[in-house]
Amino acid sequence: RNYVMVATTDMRETYRFENRPAFIKHAAKIA
């Protein structure tokens, strides 16, 4: 209970660009 949840997307697997390290750091900042 009571955690900050991150639901990821398969952008790279469907040939779209994603900066995953930046997204993870952004999530950590929100948390």
PDB file of all heavy atoms in Angstrom:
ATOM      1  N   ARG A   1       0.838  -1.196   0.000  1.00  0.00           N
ATOM      2  CA  ARG A   1       0.000   0.000   0.000  1.00  0.00           C
ATOM      3  C   ARG A   1       0.877   1.252   0.000  1.00  0.00           C
ATOM      4  O   ARG A   1       2.029   1.224   0.403  1.00  0.00           O
ATOM      5  CB  ARG A   1      -0.900   0.050   1.257  1.00  0.00           C
ATOM      6  CG  ARG A   1      -1.921  -1.068   1.410  1.00  0.00           C
ATOM      7  CD  ARG A   1      -3.099  -0.876   0.467  1.00  0.00           C
ATOM      8  NE  ARG A   1      -4.211  -1.779   0.760  1.00  0.00           N
ATOM      9  CZ  ARG A   1      -4.268  -3.045   0.394  1.00  0.00           C
ATOM     10  NH1 ARG A   1      -3.245  -3.575  -0.249  1.00  0.00           N
ATOM     11  NH2 ARG A   1      -5.325  -3.781   0.667  1.00  0.00           N
ATOM     12  N   ASN A   2       0.278   2.356  -0.485  1.00  0.00           N
ATOM     13  CA  ASN A   2       0.839   3.701  -0.317  1.00  0.00           C
ATOM     14  C   ASN A   2       2.232   3.880  -0.909  1.00  0.00           C
ATOM     15  O   ASN A   2       3.092   4.519  -0.314  1.00  0.00           O
ATOM     16  CB  ASN A   2       0.838   4.084   1.166  1.00  0.00           C
ATOM     17  CG  ASN A   2      -0.563   4.093   1.755  1.00  0.00           C
ATOM     18  OD1 ASN A   2      -1.510   4.524   1.093  1.00  0.00           O
ATOM     19  ND2 ASN A   2      -0.693   3.612   2.974  1.00  0.00           N
ATOM     20  N   TYR A   3       2.433   3.364  -2.076  1.00  0.00           N
ATOM     21  CA  TYR A   3       3.687   3.538  -2.798  1.00  0.00           C
ATOM     22  C   TYR A   3       3.420   4.412  -4.024  1.00  0.00           C
ATOM     23  O   TYR A   3       2.266   4.602  -4.446  1.00  0.00           O
ATOM     24  CB  TYR A   3       4.241   2.180  -3.253  1.00  0.00           C
ATOM     25  CG  TYR A   3       3.173   1.269  -3.812  1.00  0.00           C
ATOM     26  CD1 TYR A   3       2.741   1.376  -5.133  1.00  0.00           C
ATOM     27  CD2 TYR A   3       2.560   0.312  -2.996  1.00  0.00           C
ATOM     28  CE1 TYR A   3       1.750   0.568  -5.627  1.00  0.00           C
ATOM     29  CE2 TYR A   3       1.564  -0.510  -3.493  1.00  0.00           C
ATOM     30  CZ  TYR A   3       1.161  -0.372  -4.799  1.00  0.00           C
ATOM     31  OH  TYR A   3       0.156  -1.167  -5.285  1.00  0.00           O
ATOM     32  N   VAL A   4       4.480   4.928  -4.611  1.00  0.00           N
ATOM     33  CA  VAL A   4       4.379   5.634  -5.887  1.00  0.00           C
ATOM     34  C   VAL A   4       4.620   4.604  -6.984  1.00  0.00           C
ATOM     35  O   VAL A   4       5.678   3.976  -7.030  1.00  0.00           O
ATOM     36  CB  VAL A   4       5.400   6.782  -5.983  1.00  0.00           C
ATOM     37  CG1 VAL A   4       5.330   7.449  -7.355  1.00  0.00           C
ATOM     38  CG2 VAL A   4       5.160   7.801  -4.874  1.00  0.00           C
ATOM     39  N   MET A   5       3.630   4.431  -7.835  1.00  0.00           N
ATOM     40  CA  MET A   5       3.699   3.381  -8.857  1.00  0.00           C
ATOM     41  C   MET A   5       4.086   3.959 -10.199  1.00  0.00           C
ATOM     42  O   MET A   5       3.618   5.030 -10.600  1.00  0.00           O
ATOM     43  CB  MET A   5       2.355   2.668  -8.970  1.00  0.00           C
ATOM     44  CG  MET A   5       2.348   1.589 -10.041  1.00  0.00           C
ATOM     45  SD  MET A   5       0.811   0.656 -10.023  1.00  0.00           S
ATOM     46  CE  MET A   5       0.984  -0.258 -11.550  1.00  0.00           C
ATOM     47  N   VAL A   6       4.924   3.239 -10.921  1.00  0.00           N
ATOM     48  CA  VAL A   6       5.333   3.616 -12.273  1.00  0.00           C
ATOM     49  C   VAL A   6       4.910   2.501 -13.230  1.00  0.00           C
ATOM     50  O   VAL A   6       5.323   1.355 -13.064  1.00  0.00           O
ATOM     51  CB  VAL A   6       6.856   3.822 -12.369  1.00  0.00           C
ATOM     52  CG1 VAL A   6       7.239   4.295 -13.771  1.00  0.00           C
ATOM     53  CG2 VAL A   6       7.338   4.805 -11.317  1.00  0.00           C
ATOM     54  N   ALA A   7       4.068   2.840 -14.205  1.00  0.00           N
ATOM     55  CA  ALA A   7       3.660   1.881 -15.237  1.00  0.00           C
ATOM     56  C   ALA A   7       4.377   2.248 -16.532  1.00  0.00           C
ATOM     57  O   ALA A   7       4.150   3.314 -17.097  1.00  0.00           O
ATOM     58  CB  ALA A   7       2.147   1.918 -15.434  1.00  0.00           C
ATOM     59  N   THR A   8       5.253   1.380 -16.988  1.00  0.00           N
ATOM     60  CA  THR A   8       6.083   1.689 -18.154  1.00  0.00           C
ATOM     61  C   THR A   8       5.353   1.352 -19.454  1.00  0.00           C
ATOM     62  O   THR A   8       4.285   0.731 -19.457  1.00  0.00           O
ATOM     63  CB  THR A   8       7.411   0.928 -18.101  1.00  0.00           C
ATOM     64  OG1 THR A   8       7.149  -0.476 -18.090  1.00  0.00           O
ATOM     65  CG2 THR A   8       8.204   1.316 -16.862  1.00  0.00           C
ATOM     66  N   THR A   9       5.946   1.743 -20.577  1.00  0.00           N
ATOM     67  CA  THR A   9       5.376   1.523 -21.905  1.00  0.00           C
ATOM     68  C   THR A   9       6.436   0.860 -22.785  1.00  0.00           C
ATOM     69  O   THR A   9       7.635   1.087 -22.602  1.00  0.00           O
ATOM     70  CB  THR A   9       4.920   2.860 -22.518  1.00  0.00           C
ATOM     71  OG1 THR A   9       3.989   3.489 -21.633  1.00  0.00           O
ATOM     72  CG2 THR A   9       4.240   2.647 -23.863  1.00  0.00           C
ATOM     73  N   ASP A  10       5.979   0.085 -23.747  1.00  0.00           N
ATOM     74  CA  ASP A  10       6.902  -0.650 -24.625  1.00  0.00           C
ATOM     75  C   ASP A  10       7.318   0.191 -25.837  1.00  0.00           C
ATOM     76  O   ASP A  10       7.309  -0.293 -26.966  1.00  0.00           O
ATOM     77  CB  ASP A  10       6.271  -1.964 -25.076  1.00  0.00           C
ATOM     78  CG  ASP A  10       4.976  -1.753 -25.863  1.00  0.00           C
ATOM     79  OD1 ASP A  10       4.385  -0.667 -25.768  1.00  0.00           O
ATOM     80  OD2 ASP A  10       4.554  -2.687 -26.569  1.00  0.00           O
ATOM     81  N   MET A  11       7.726   1.415 -25.606  1.00  0.00           N
ATOM     82  CA  MET A  11       8.079   2.287 -26.728  1.00  0.00           C
ATOM     83  C   MET A  11       9.247   1.744 -27.537  1.00  0.00           C
ATOM     84  O   MET A  11       9.219   1.738 -28.770  1.00  0.00           O
ATOM     85  CB  MET A  11       8.400   3.693 -26.212  1.00  0.00           C
ATOM     86  CG  MET A  11       7.174   4.469 -25.769  1.00  0.00           C
ATOM     87  SD  MET A  11       7.564   6.167 -25.313  1.00  0.00           S
ATOM     88  CE  MET A  11       8.259   5.919 -23.692  1.00  0.00           C
ATOM     89  N   ARG A  12      10.282   1.297 -26.857  1.00  0.00           N
ATOM     90  CA  ARG A  12      11.460   0.823 -27.583  1.00  0.00           C
ATOM     91  C   ARG A  12      11.163  -0.456 -28.354  1.00  0.00           C
ATOM     92  O   ARG A  12      11.688  -0.663 -29.453  1.00  0.00           O
ATOM     93  CB  ARG A  12      12.624   0.611 -26.608  1.00  0.00           C
ATOM     94  CG  ARG A  12      13.117   1.924 -26.012  1.00  0.00           C
ATOM     95  CD  ARG A  12      14.188   1.684 -24.967  1.00  0.00           C
ATOM     96  NE  ARG A  12      13.665   1.055 -23.765  1.00  0.00           N
ATOM     97  CZ  ARG A  12      14.388   0.830 -22.666  1.00  0.00           C
ATOM     98  NH1 ARG A  12      15.666   1.168 -22.641  1.00  0.00           N
ATOM     99  NH2 ARG A  12      13.839   0.265 -21.608  1.00  0.00           N
ATOM    100  N   GLU A  13      10.322  -1.296 -27.782  1.00  0.00           N
ATOM    101  CA  GLU A  13       9.979  -2.551 -28.445  1.00  0.00           C
ATOM    102  C   GLU A  13       9.101  -2.314 -29.672  1.00  0.00           C
ATOM    103  O   GLU A  13       8.989  -3.195 -30.532  1.00  0.00           O
ATOM    104  CB  GLU A  13       9.261  -3.484 -27.462  1.00  0.00           C
ATOM    105  CG  GLU A  13      10.169  -4.109 -26.417  1.00  0.00           C
ATOM    106  CD  GLU A  13      10.584  -3.153 -25.302  1.00  0.00           C
ATOM    107  OE1 GLU A  13       9.974  -2.054 -25.187  1.00  0.00           O
ATOM    108  OE2 GLU A  13      11.515  -3.487 -24.548  1.00  0.00           O
ATOM    109  N   THR A  14       8.460  -1.156 -29.738  1.00  0.00           N
ATOM    110  CA  THR A  14       7.633  -0.816 -30.906  1.00  0.00           C
ATOM    111  C   THR A  14       8.292   0.293 -31.721  1.00  0.00           C
ATOM    112  O   THR A  14       7.621   1.096 -32.366  1.00  0.00           O
ATOM    113  CB  THR A  14       6.219  -0.406 -30.473  1.00  0.00           C
ATOM    114  OG1 THR A  14       6.286   0.602 -29.449  1.00  0.00           O
ATOM    115  CG2 THR A  14       5.455  -1.604 -29.924  1.00  0.00           C
ATOM    116  N   TYR A  15       9.625   0.351 -31.625  1.00  0.00           N
ATOM    117  CA  TYR A  15      10.461   1.187 -32.497  1.00  0.00           C
ATOM    118  C   TYR A  15      10.233   2.692 -32.321  1.00  0.00           C
ATOM    119  O   TYR A  15      10.335   3.463 -33.264  1.00  0.00           O
ATOM    120  CB  TYR A  15      10.255   0.787 -33.973  1.00  0.00           C
ATOM    121  CG  TYR A  15      10.392  -0.684 -34.202  1.00  0.00           C
ATOM    122  CD1 TYR A  15       9.269  -1.474 -34.458  1.00  0.00           C
ATOM    123  CD2 TYR A  15      11.637  -1.315 -34.118  1.00  0.00           C
ATOM    124  CE1 TYR A  15       9.383  -2.854 -34.645  1.00  0.00           C
ATOM    125  CE2 TYR A  15      11.759  -2.692 -34.299  1.00  0.00           C
ATOM    126  CZ  TYR A  15      10.630  -3.444 -34.552  1.00  0.00           C
ATOM    127  OH  TYR A  15      10.737  -4.798 -34.732  1.00  0.00           O
ATOM    128  N   ARG A  16       9.946   3.094 -31.081  1.00  0.00           N
ATOM    129  CA  ARG A  16       9.847   4.519 -30.764  1.00  0.00           C
ATOM    130  C   ARG A  16      10.983   4.889 -29.810  1.00  0.00           C
ATOM    131  O   ARG A  16      11.428   4.065 -29.022  1.00  0.00           O
ATOM    132  CB  ARG A  16       8.484   4.835 -30.128  1.00  0.00           C
ATOM    133  CG  ARG A  16       7.318   4.705 -31.079  1.00  0.00           C
ATOM    134  CD  ARG A  16       5.996   4.884 -30.368  1.00  0.00           C
ATOM    135  NE  ARG A  16       5.670   3.737 -29.516  1.00  0.00           N
ATOM    136  CZ  ARG A  16       4.659   3.702 -28.663  1.00  0.00           C
ATOM    137  NH1 ARG A  16       3.869   4.760 -28.529  1.00  0.00           N
ATOM    138  NH2 ARG A  16       4.424   2.629 -27.942  1.00  0.00           N
ATOM    139  N   PHE A  17      11.392   6.148 -29.864  1.00  0.00           N
ATOM    140  CA  PHE A  17      12.497   6.580 -29.017  1.00  0.00           C
ATOM    141  C   PHE A  17      12.043   6.760 -27.575  1.00  0.00           C
ATOM    142  O   PHE A  17      10.966   7.274 -27.305  1.00  0.00           O
ATOM    143  CB  PHE A  17      13.074   7.904 -29.527  1.00  0.00           C
ATOM    144  CG  PHE A  17      14.093   8.494 -28.585  1.00  0.00           C
ATOM    145  CD1 PHE A  17      15.379   7.979 -28.525  1.00  0.00           C
ATOM    146  CD2 PHE A  17      13.749   9.544 -27.734  1.00  0.00           C
ATOM    147  CE1 PHE A  17      16.307   8.510 -27.648  1.00  0.00           C
ATOM    148  CE2 PHE A  17      14.680  10.074 -26.856  1.00  0.00           C
ATOM    149  CZ  PHE A  17      15.960   9.556 -26.821  1.00  0.00           C
ATOM    150  N   GLU A  18      12.922   6.331 -26.657  1.00  0.00           N
ATOM    151  CA  GLU A  18      12.685   6.588 -25.234  1.00  0.00           C
ATOM    152  C   GLU A  18      14.017   6.726 -24.519  1.00  0.00           C
ATOM    153  O   GLU A  18      14.930   5.919 -24.727  1.00  0.00           O
ATOM    154  CB  GLU A  18      11.889   5.455 -24.585  1.00  0.00           C
ATOM    155  CG  GLU A  18      11.661   5.723 -23.091  1.00  0.00           C
ATOM    156  CD  GLU A  18      11.160   4.511 -22.325  1.00  0.00           C
ATOM    157  OE1 GLU A  18      10.931   3.459 -22.949  1.00  0.00           O
ATOM    158  OE2 GLU A  18      11.016   4.622 -21.098  1.00  0.00           O
ATOM    159  N   ASN A  19      14.109   7.717 -23.663  1.00  0.00           N
ATOM    160  CA  ASN A  19      15.256   7.869 -22.772  1.00  0.00           C
ATOM    161  C   ASN A  19      14.845   7.277 -21.424  1.00  0.00           C
ATOM    162  O   ASN A  19      14.381   7.989 -20.544  1.00  0.00           O
ATOM    163  CB  ASN A  19      15.640   9.344 -22.636  1.00  0.00           C
ATOM    164  CG  ASN A  19      16.925   9.543 -21.839  1.00  0.00           C
ATOM    165  OD1 ASN A  19      17.320   8.681 -21.047  1.00  0.00           O
ATOM    166  ND2 ASN A  19      17.580  10.665 -22.043  1.00  0.00           N
ATOM    167  N   ARG A  20      14.980   5.960 -21.279  1.00  0.00           N
ATOM    168  CA  ARG A  20      14.512   5.286 -20.065  1.00  0.00           C
ATOM    169  C   ARG A  20      15.261   5.751 -18.820  1.00  0.00           C
ATOM    170  O   ARG A  20      14.624   5.959 -17.762  1.00  0.00           O
ATOM    171  CB  ARG A  20      14.594   3.768 -20.236  1.00  0.00           C
ATOM    172  CG  ARG A  20      14.123   2.937 -19.037  1.00  0.00           C
ATOM    173  CD  ARG A  20      12.692   3.217 -18.603  1.00  0.00           C
ATOM    174  NE  ARG A  20      11.708   2.816 -19.552  1.00  0.00           N
ATOM    175  CZ  ARG A  20      11.152   1.604 -19.640  1.00  0.00           C
ATOM    176  NH1 ARG A  20      11.533   0.636 -18.812  1.00  0.00           N
ATOM    177  NH2 ARG A  20      10.215   1.360 -20.538  1.00  0.00           N
ATOM    178  N   PRO A  21      16.601   5.933 -18.845  1.00  0.00           N
ATOM    179  CA  PRO A  21      17.277   6.439 -17.638  1.00  0.00           C
ATOM    180  C   PRO A  21      16.701   7.765 -17.155  1.00  0.00           C
ATOM    181  O   PRO A  21      16.500   7.959 -15.948  1.00  0.00           O
ATOM    182  CB  PRO A  21      18.734   6.574 -18.078  1.00  0.00           C
ATOM    183  CG  PRO A  21      18.888   5.537 -19.138  1.00  0.00           C
ATOM    184  CD  PRO A  21      17.597   5.553 -19.883  1.00  0.00           C
ATOM    185  N   ALA A  22      16.409   8.669 -18.080  1.00  0.00           N
ATOM    186  CA  ALA A  22      15.838   9.967 -17.695  1.00  0.00           C
ATOM    187  C   ALA A  22      14.455   9.795 -17.090  1.00  0.00           C
ATOM    188  O   ALA A  22      14.094  10.484 -16.118  1.00  0.00           O
ATOM    189  CB  ALA A  22      15.784  10.893 -18.903  1.00  0.00           C
ATOM    190  N   PHE A  23      13.659   8.870 -17.639  1.00  0.00           N
ATOM    191  CA  PHE A  23      12.325   8.636 -17.099  1.00  0.00           C
ATOM    192  C   PHE A  23      12.399   8.066 -15.681  1.00  0.00           C
ATOM    193  O   PHE A  23      11.635   8.459 -14.794  1.00  0.00           O
ATOM    194  CB  PHE A  23      11.554   7.679 -18.010  1.00  0.00           C
ATOM    195  CG  PHE A  23      10.207   7.283 -17.471  1.00  0.00           C
ATOM    196  CD1 PHE A  23       9.194   8.214 -17.338  1.00  0.00           C
ATOM    197  CD2 PHE A  23       9.959   5.969 -17.086  1.00  0.00           C
ATOM    198  CE1 PHE A  23       7.947   7.853 -16.830  1.00  0.00           C
ATOM    199  CE2 PHE A  23       8.724   5.595 -16.586  1.00  0.00           C
ATOM    200  CZ  PHE A  23       7.715   6.539 -16.453  1.00  0.00           C
ATOM    201  N   ILE A  24      13.317   7.146 -15.459  1.00  0.00           N
ATOM    202  CA  ILE A  24      13.466   6.559 -14.124  1.00  0.00           C
ATOM    203  C   ILE A  24      13.866   7.633 -13.105  1.00  0.00           C
ATOM    204  O   ILE A  24      13.320   7.702 -11.998  1.00  0.00           O
ATOM    205  CB  ILE A  24      14.505   5.424 -14.153  1.00  0.00           C
ATOM    206  CG1 ILE A  24      14.007   4.276 -15.034  1.00  0.00           C
ATOM    207  CG2 ILE A  24      14.803   4.918 -12.736  1.00  0.00           C
ATOM    208  CD1 ILE A  24      15.054   3.214 -15.309  1.00  0.00           C
ATOM    209  N   LYS A  25      14.792   8.483 -13.502  1.00  0.00           N
ATOM    210  CA  LYS A  25      15.222   9.564 -12.604  1.00  0.00           C
ATOM    211  C   LYS A  25      14.076  10.537 -12.339  1.00  0.00           C
ATOM    212  O   LYS A  25      13.927  11.049 -11.218  1.00  0.00           O
ATOM    213  CB  LYS A  25      16.410  10.299 -13.220  1.00  0.00           C
ATOM    214  CG  LYS A  25      17.683   9.458 -13.298  1.00  0.00           C
ATOM    215  CD  LYS A  25      18.789  10.206 -14.032  1.00  0.00           C
ATOM    216  CE  LYS A  25      20.040   9.363 -14.178  1.00  0.00           C
ATOM    217  NZ  LYS A  25      21.111  10.059 -14.952  1.00  0.00           N
ATOM    218  N   HIS A  26      13.258  10.795 -13.356  1.00  0.00           N
ATOM    219  CA  HIS A  26      12.094  11.673 -13.197  1.00  0.00           C
ATOM    220  C   HIS A  26      11.108  11.063 -12.202  1.00  0.00           C
ATOM    221  O   HIS A  26      10.568  11.767 -11.328  1.00  0.00           O
ATOM    222  CB  HIS A  26      11.426  11.872 -14.556  1.00  0.00           C
ATOM    223  CG  HIS A  26      10.163  12.674 -14.519  1.00  0.00           C
ATOM    224  ND1 HIS A  26      10.133  13.998 -14.136  1.00  0.00           N
ATOM    225  CD2 HIS A  26       8.884  12.324 -14.821  1.00  0.00           C
ATOM    226  CE1 HIS A  26       8.890  14.445 -14.202  1.00  0.00           C
ATOM    227  NE2 HIS A  26       8.112  13.447 -14.610  1.00  0.00           N
ATOM    228  N   ALA A  27      10.887   9.758 -12.304  1.00  0.00           N
ATOM    229  CA  ALA A  27       9.981   9.077 -11.374  1.00  0.00           C
ATOM    230  C   ALA A  27      10.511   9.147  -9.951  1.00  0.00           C
ATOM    231  O   ALA A  27       9.756   9.367  -8.991  1.00  0.00           O
ATOM    232  CB  ALA A  27       9.789   7.628 -11.810  1.00  0.00           C
ATOM    233  N   ALA A  28      11.818   8.969  -9.799  1.00  0.00           N
ATOM    234  CA  ALA A  28      12.421   9.036  -8.464  1.00  0.00           C
ATOM    235  C   ALA A  28      12.259  10.429  -7.867  1.00  0.00           C
ATOM    236  O   ALA A  28      12.031  10.582  -6.656  1.00  0.00           O
ATOM    237  CB  ALA A  28      13.898   8.664  -8.543  1.00  0.00           C
ATOM    238  N   LYS A  29      12.348  11.438  -8.705  1.00  0.00           N
ATOM    239  CA  LYS A  29      12.179  12.817  -8.226  1.00  0.00           C
ATOM    240  C   LYS A  29      10.749  13.044  -7.746  1.00  0.00           C
ATOM    241  O   LYS A  29      10.518  13.678  -6.707  1.00  0.00           O
ATOM    242  CB  LYS A  29      12.527  13.795  -9.338  1.00  0.00           C
ATOM    243  CG  LYS A  29      12.473  15.260  -8.920  1.00  0.00           C
ATOM    244  CD  LYS A  29      12.913  16.176 -10.055  1.00  0.00           C
ATOM    245  CE  LYS A  29      12.850  17.645  -9.626  1.00  0.00           C
ATOM    246  NZ  LYS A  29      13.267  18.551 -10.737  1.00  0.00           N
ATOM    247  N   ILE A  30       9.781  12.518  -8.471  1.00  0.00           N
ATOM    248  CA  ILE A  30       8.384  12.644  -8.054  1.00  0.00           C
ATOM    249  C   ILE A  30       8.156  11.910  -6.740  1.00  0.00           C
ATOM    250  O   ILE A  30       7.466  12.403  -5.839  1.00  0.00           O
ATOM    251  CB  ILE A  30       7.447  12.090  -9.151  1.00  0.00           C
ATOM    252  CG1 ILE A  30       7.495  12.991 -10.391  1.00  0.00           C
ATOM    253  CG2 ILE A  30       6.008  11.980  -8.631  1.00  0.00           C
ATOM    254  CD1 ILE A  30       6.748  12.417 -11.581  1.00  0.00           C
ATOM    255  N   ALA A  31       8.732  10.718  -6.623  1.00  0.00           N
ATOM    256  CA  ALA A  31       8.541   9.923  -5.397  1.00  0.00           C
ATOM    257  C   ALA A  31       9.128  10.630  -4.181  1.00  0.00           C
ATOM    258  O   ALA A  31       8.588  10.521  -3.072  1.00  0.00           O
ATOM    259  CB  ALA A  31       9.173   8.548  -5.568  1.00  0.00           C
TER     260      ALA A  31
END
